Amino acid sequence: MGPLGFLTGVVLGSAASIALVLAMVVVIFAVTVGGQPALGREYPDLLASAGLFGMLAAVAAAAFLGVQRGRSWRWLAQGAMWLALALIGWYYWP
């Protein structure tokens, strides 16, 4: 595995773990939102965050597979992954 494959794997693992934890929090919010109106206001932002990191994980998985298998579309997938990462950074920038 080359340096690009390693770096793509780090992005994939990080994005997948964040997406999974956010999905668990979504489930907890869905169960407890009835008794806590403040949680209901946070729910749309939580869903957006879970969706963003889920999308990043999917794009990073495609980029990782493309790099590891030497596919012709690997550079397109790499570009999409870095673009998704930049968009997430822009979304959270104050």
N, C-alpha and C. Protein backbone atom coordinates (compact mmCIF):
# COMPACT_ATOMS: atom_id res chain seq x y z
N MET A 1 0.84 -1.17 0.00
CA MET A 1 0.00 0.00 0.00
C MET A 1 0.90 1.24 0.00
N GLY A 2 0.59 2.14 -0.91
CA GLY A 2 1.36 3.37 -1.01
C GLY A 2 0.84 4.44 -0.06
N PRO A 3 1.53 5.58 -0.05
CA PRO A 3 1.12 6.66 0.84
C PRO A 3 -0.28 7.18 0.55
N LEU A 4 -0.67 7.25 -0.72
CA LEU A 4 -2.01 7.72 -1.06
C LEU A 4 -3.07 6.73 -0.57
N GLY A 5 -2.80 5.45 -0.69
CA GLY A 5 -3.72 4.44 -0.19
C GLY A 5 -3.86 4.51 1.32
N PHE A 6 -2.74 4.74 2.00
CA PHE A 6 -2.77 4.86 3.46
C PHE A 6 -3.59 6.08 3.88
N LEU A 7 -3.33 7.22 3.24
CA LEU A 7 -4.04 8.44 3.59
C LEU A 7 -5.53 8.32 3.28
N THR A 8 -5.86 7.69 2.18
CA THR A 8 -7.27 7.47 1.84
C THR A 8 -7.92 6.54 2.85
N GLY A 9 -7.19 5.53 3.31
CA GLY A 9 -7.71 4.63 4.34
C GLY A 9 -7.95 5.34 5.65
N VAL A 10 -7.09 6.28 6.01
CA VAL A 10 -7.29 7.06 7.23
C VAL A 10 -8.55 7.90 7.12
N VAL A 11 -8.74 8.56 5.97
CA VAL A 11 -9.95 9.35 5.77
C VAL A 11 -11.18 8.45 5.81
N LEU A 12 -11.10 7.29 5.16
CA LEU A 12 -12.22 6.35 5.16
C LEU A 12 -12.57 5.88 6.57
N GLY A 13 -11.59 5.46 7.32
CA GLY A 13 -11.84 4.98 8.68
C GLY A 13 -12.39 6.06 9.59
N SER A 14 -11.84 7.26 9.48
CA SER A 14 -12.32 8.37 10.31
C SER A 14 -13.75 8.74 9.95
N ALA A 15 -14.02 8.88 8.65
CA ALA A 15 -15.37 9.27 8.22
C ALA A 15 -16.39 8.20 8.58
N ALA A 16 -16.04 6.94 8.40
CA ALA A 16 -16.97 5.86 8.72
C ALA A 16 -17.27 5.80 10.21
N SER A 17 -16.25 5.98 11.04
CA SER A 17 -16.50 5.93 12.49
C SER A 17 -17.33 7.13 12.95
N ILE A 18 -17.06 8.31 12.41
CA ILE A 18 -17.86 9.48 12.78
C ILE A 18 -19.30 9.29 12.31
N ALA A 19 -19.49 8.80 11.09
CA ALA A 19 -20.85 8.58 10.57
C ALA A 19 -21.59 7.55 11.42
N LEU A 20 -20.92 6.50 11.84
CA LEU A 20 -21.56 5.47 12.65
C LEU A 20 -21.97 6.02 14.02
N VAL A 21 -21.11 6.79 14.65
CA VAL A 21 -21.44 7.37 15.95
C VAL A 21 -22.59 8.36 15.81
N LEU A 22 -22.56 9.17 14.76
CA LEU A 22 -23.66 10.12 14.55
C LEU A 22 -24.97 9.39 14.29
N ALA A 23 -24.92 8.27 13.58
CA ALA A 23 -26.13 7.48 13.35
C ALA A 23 -26.67 6.93 14.66
N MET A 24 -25.79 6.52 15.56
CA MET A 24 -26.24 6.06 16.88
C MET A 24 -26.88 7.19 17.66
N VAL A 25 -26.33 8.37 17.57
CA VAL A 25 -26.91 9.52 18.26
C VAL A 25 -28.27 9.88 17.65
N VAL A 26 -28.41 9.74 16.34
CA VAL A 26 -29.70 9.97 15.69
C VAL A 26 -30.76 9.04 16.27
N VAL A 27 -30.40 7.78 16.45
CA VAL A 27 -31.34 6.81 17.02
C VAL A 27 -31.71 7.21 18.45
N ILE A 28 -30.74 7.59 19.24
CA ILE A 28 -31.02 8.01 20.62
C ILE A 28 -31.90 9.25 20.64
N PHE A 29 -31.61 10.22 19.77
CA PHE A 29 -32.45 11.42 19.69
C PHE A 29 -33.87 11.05 19.28
N ALA A 30 -34.01 10.13 18.33
CA ALA A 30 -35.34 9.75 17.85
C ALA A 30 -36.17 9.12 18.96
N VAL A 31 -35.52 8.39 19.85
CA VAL A 31 -36.23 7.73 20.94
C VAL A 31 -36.60 8.73 22.03
N THR A 32 -35.74 9.71 22.32
CA THR A 32 -35.95 10.61 23.45
C THR A 32 -36.48 11.99 23.08
N VAL A 33 -36.70 12.27 21.81
CA VAL A 33 -37.09 13.62 21.40
C VAL A 33 -38.46 14.00 21.94
N GLY A 34 -39.32 13.07 22.21
CA GLY A 34 -40.66 13.38 22.71
C GLY A 34 -40.65 14.12 24.03
N GLY A 35 -39.76 13.76 24.92
CA GLY A 35 -39.71 14.38 26.24
C GLY A 35 -38.79 15.58 26.31
N GLN A 36 -38.03 15.84 25.30
CA GLN A 36 -37.06 16.92 25.31
C GLN A 36 -37.23 17.80 24.07
N PRO A 37 -37.95 18.90 24.14
CA PRO A 37 -38.14 19.74 22.96
C PRO A 37 -36.84 20.35 22.44
N ALA A 38 -35.87 20.56 23.32
CA ALA A 38 -34.59 21.12 22.88
C ALA A 38 -33.88 20.17 21.93
N LEU A 39 -34.05 18.87 22.13
CA LEU A 39 -33.44 17.90 21.23
C LEU A 39 -34.05 17.97 19.84
N GLY A 40 -35.33 18.29 19.77
CA GLY A 40 -35.99 18.40 18.48
C GLY A 40 -35.41 19.50 17.62
N ARG A 41 -34.94 20.57 18.24
CA ARG A 41 -34.32 21.66 17.49
C ARG A 41 -32.94 21.28 16.97
N GLU A 42 -32.27 20.37 17.63
CA GLU A 42 -30.94 19.93 17.21
C GLU A 42 -30.99 18.83 16.15
N TYR A 43 -32.13 18.20 16.00
CA TYR A 43 -32.26 17.03 15.13
C TYR A 43 -31.91 17.30 13.66
N PRO A 44 -32.37 18.39 13.04
CA PRO A 44 -32.02 18.62 11.62
C PRO A 44 -30.51 18.75 11.40
N ASP A 45 -29.82 19.47 12.30
CA ASP A 45 -28.37 19.61 12.16
C ASP A 45 -27.67 18.27 12.35
N LEU A 46 -28.18 17.47 13.26
CA LEU A 46 -27.60 16.14 13.49
C LEU A 46 -27.77 15.25 12.26
N LEU A 47 -28.94 15.29 11.66
CA LEU A 47 -29.17 14.50 10.45
C LEU A 47 -28.26 14.96 9.31
N ALA A 48 -28.09 16.29 9.18
CA ALA A 48 -27.20 16.81 8.15
C ALA A 48 -25.77 16.34 8.37
N SER A 49 -25.30 16.38 9.59
CA SER A 49 -23.94 15.95 9.90
C SER A 49 -23.76 14.46 9.62
N ALA A 50 -24.74 13.66 10.03
CA ALA A 50 -24.66 12.21 9.77
C ALA A 50 -24.65 11.94 8.27
N GLY A 51 -25.46 12.67 7.52
CA GLY A 51 -25.48 12.50 6.07
C GLY A 51 -24.19 12.92 5.41
N LEU A 52 -23.61 14.03 5.85
CA LEU A 52 -22.34 14.50 5.28
C LEU A 52 -21.22 13.49 5.50
N PHE A 53 -21.11 13.00 6.71
CA PHE A 53 -20.03 12.05 7.00
C PHE A 53 -20.31 10.67 6.38
N GLY A 54 -21.58 10.31 6.25
CA GLY A 54 -21.90 9.07 5.53
C GLY A 54 -21.52 9.17 4.06
N MET A 55 -21.79 10.34 3.46
CA MET A 55 -21.41 10.57 2.07
C MET A 55 -19.90 10.56 1.91
N LEU A 56 -19.19 11.19 2.84
CA LEU A 56 -17.72 11.18 2.78
C LEU A 56 -17.19 9.76 2.90
N ALA A 57 -17.77 8.96 3.78
CA ALA A 57 -17.32 7.57 3.94
C ALA A 57 -17.54 6.77 2.66
N ALA A 58 -18.68 6.98 2.00
CA ALA A 58 -18.95 6.26 0.76
C ALA A 58 -17.98 6.66 -0.35
N VAL A 59 -17.73 7.96 -0.47
CA VAL A 59 -16.81 8.44 -1.50
C VAL A 59 -15.38 7.98 -1.20
N ALA A 60 -15.00 8.01 0.08
CA ALA A 60 -13.66 7.56 0.47
C ALA A 60 -13.50 6.06 0.23
N ALA A 61 -14.56 5.29 0.43
CA ALA A 61 -14.49 3.85 0.16
C ALA A 61 -14.27 3.59 -1.32
N ALA A 62 -14.96 4.35 -2.17
CA ALA A 62 -14.75 4.20 -3.61
C ALA A 62 -13.34 4.60 -3.98
N ALA A 63 -12.84 5.70 -3.40
CA ALA A 63 -11.48 6.15 -3.69
C ALA A 63 -10.45 5.12 -3.22
N PHE A 64 -10.69 4.54 -2.05
CA PHE A 64 -9.77 3.54 -1.52
C PHE A 64 -9.72 2.31 -2.42
N LEU A 65 -10.89 1.83 -2.82
CA LEU A 65 -10.92 0.67 -3.72
C LEU A 65 -10.27 0.99 -5.06
N GLY A 66 -10.53 2.17 -5.57
CA GLY A 66 -9.92 2.56 -6.85
C GLY A 66 -8.41 2.60 -6.78
N VAL A 67 -7.87 3.15 -5.70
CA VAL A 67 -6.41 3.23 -5.55
C VAL A 67 -5.82 1.83 -5.35
N GLN A 68 -6.44 1.03 -4.50
CA GLN A 68 -5.88 -0.29 -4.20
C GLN A 68 -5.91 -1.22 -5.40
N ARG A 69 -6.93 -1.10 -6.22
CA ARG A 69 -7.06 -1.99 -7.38
C ARG A 69 -6.51 -1.38 -8.66
N GLY A 70 -6.04 -0.15 -8.60
CA GLY A 70 -5.44 0.50 -9.75
C GLY A 70 -6.43 0.77 -10.88
N ARG A 71 -7.65 1.11 -10.54
CA ARG A 71 -8.68 1.36 -11.54
C ARG A 71 -8.41 2.68 -12.27
N SER A 72 -8.95 2.80 -13.47
CA SER A 72 -8.73 4.01 -14.26
C SER A 72 -9.46 5.21 -13.68
N TRP A 73 -10.51 5.01 -12.91
CA TRP A 73 -11.30 6.10 -12.34
C TRP A 73 -10.82 6.52 -10.96
N ARG A 74 -9.68 6.01 -10.52
CA ARG A 74 -9.23 6.28 -9.16
C ARG A 74 -8.95 7.77 -8.92
N TRP A 75 -8.49 8.49 -9.93
CA TRP A 75 -8.20 9.91 -9.73
C TRP A 75 -9.47 10.73 -9.63
N LEU A 76 -10.49 10.32 -10.34
CA LEU A 76 -11.79 10.98 -10.22
C LEU A 76 -12.36 10.75 -8.82
N ALA A 77 -12.24 9.53 -8.33
CA ALA A 77 -12.72 9.22 -6.98
C ALA A 77 -11.90 9.96 -5.92
N GLN A 78 -10.60 10.07 -6.13
CA GLN A 78 -9.77 10.83 -5.19
C GLN A 78 -10.18 12.30 -5.16
N GLY A 79 -10.42 12.85 -6.34
CA GLY A 79 -10.86 14.25 -6.41
C GLY A 79 -12.19 14.45 -5.71
N ALA A 80 -13.12 13.50 -5.90
CA ALA A 80 -14.42 13.59 -5.24
C ALA A 80 -14.26 13.50 -3.72
N MET A 81 -13.36 12.65 -3.26
CA MET A 81 -13.15 12.52 -1.82
C MET A 81 -12.59 13.81 -1.23
N TRP A 82 -11.59 14.39 -1.87
CA TRP A 82 -11.00 15.62 -1.35
C TRP A 82 -11.98 16.79 -1.45
N LEU A 83 -12.81 16.80 -2.49
CA LEU A 83 -13.84 17.82 -2.60
C LEU A 83 -14.87 17.68 -1.48
N ALA A 84 -15.29 16.46 -1.20
CA ALA A 84 -16.24 16.22 -0.11
C ALA A 84 -15.64 16.62 1.23
N LEU A 85 -14.37 16.33 1.43
CA LEU A 85 -13.69 16.72 2.67
C LEU A 85 -13.62 18.24 2.79
N ALA A 86 -13.34 18.92 1.69
CA ALA A 86 -13.30 20.40 1.70
C ALA A 86 -14.69 20.98 1.96
N LEU A 87 -15.73 20.38 1.38
CA LEU A 87 -17.09 20.87 1.61
C LEU A 87 -17.51 20.70 3.07
N ILE A 88 -17.11 19.60 3.68
CA ILE A 88 -17.42 19.40 5.10
C ILE A 88 -16.68 20.44 5.94
N GLY A 89 -15.43 20.70 5.60
CA GLY A 89 -14.69 21.74 6.30
C GLY A 89 -15.35 23.10 6.14
N TRP A 90 -15.84 23.40 4.95
CA TRP A 90 -16.52 24.67 4.70
C TRP A 90 -17.84 24.74 5.46
N TYR A 91 -18.54 23.61 5.55
CA TYR A 91 -19.82 23.57 6.26
C TYR A 91 -19.64 23.89 7.74
N TYR A 92 -18.58 23.40 8.34
CA TYR A 92 -18.35 23.59 9.77
C TYR A 92 -17.52 24.83 10.10
N TRP A 93 -16.98 25.51 9.09
CA TRP A 93 -16.15 26.68 9.35
C TRP A 93 -17.00 27.78 9.98
N PRO A 94 -16.50 28.41 11.03
CA PRO A 94 -17.33 29.42 11.72
C PRO A 94 -17.66 30.59 10.89
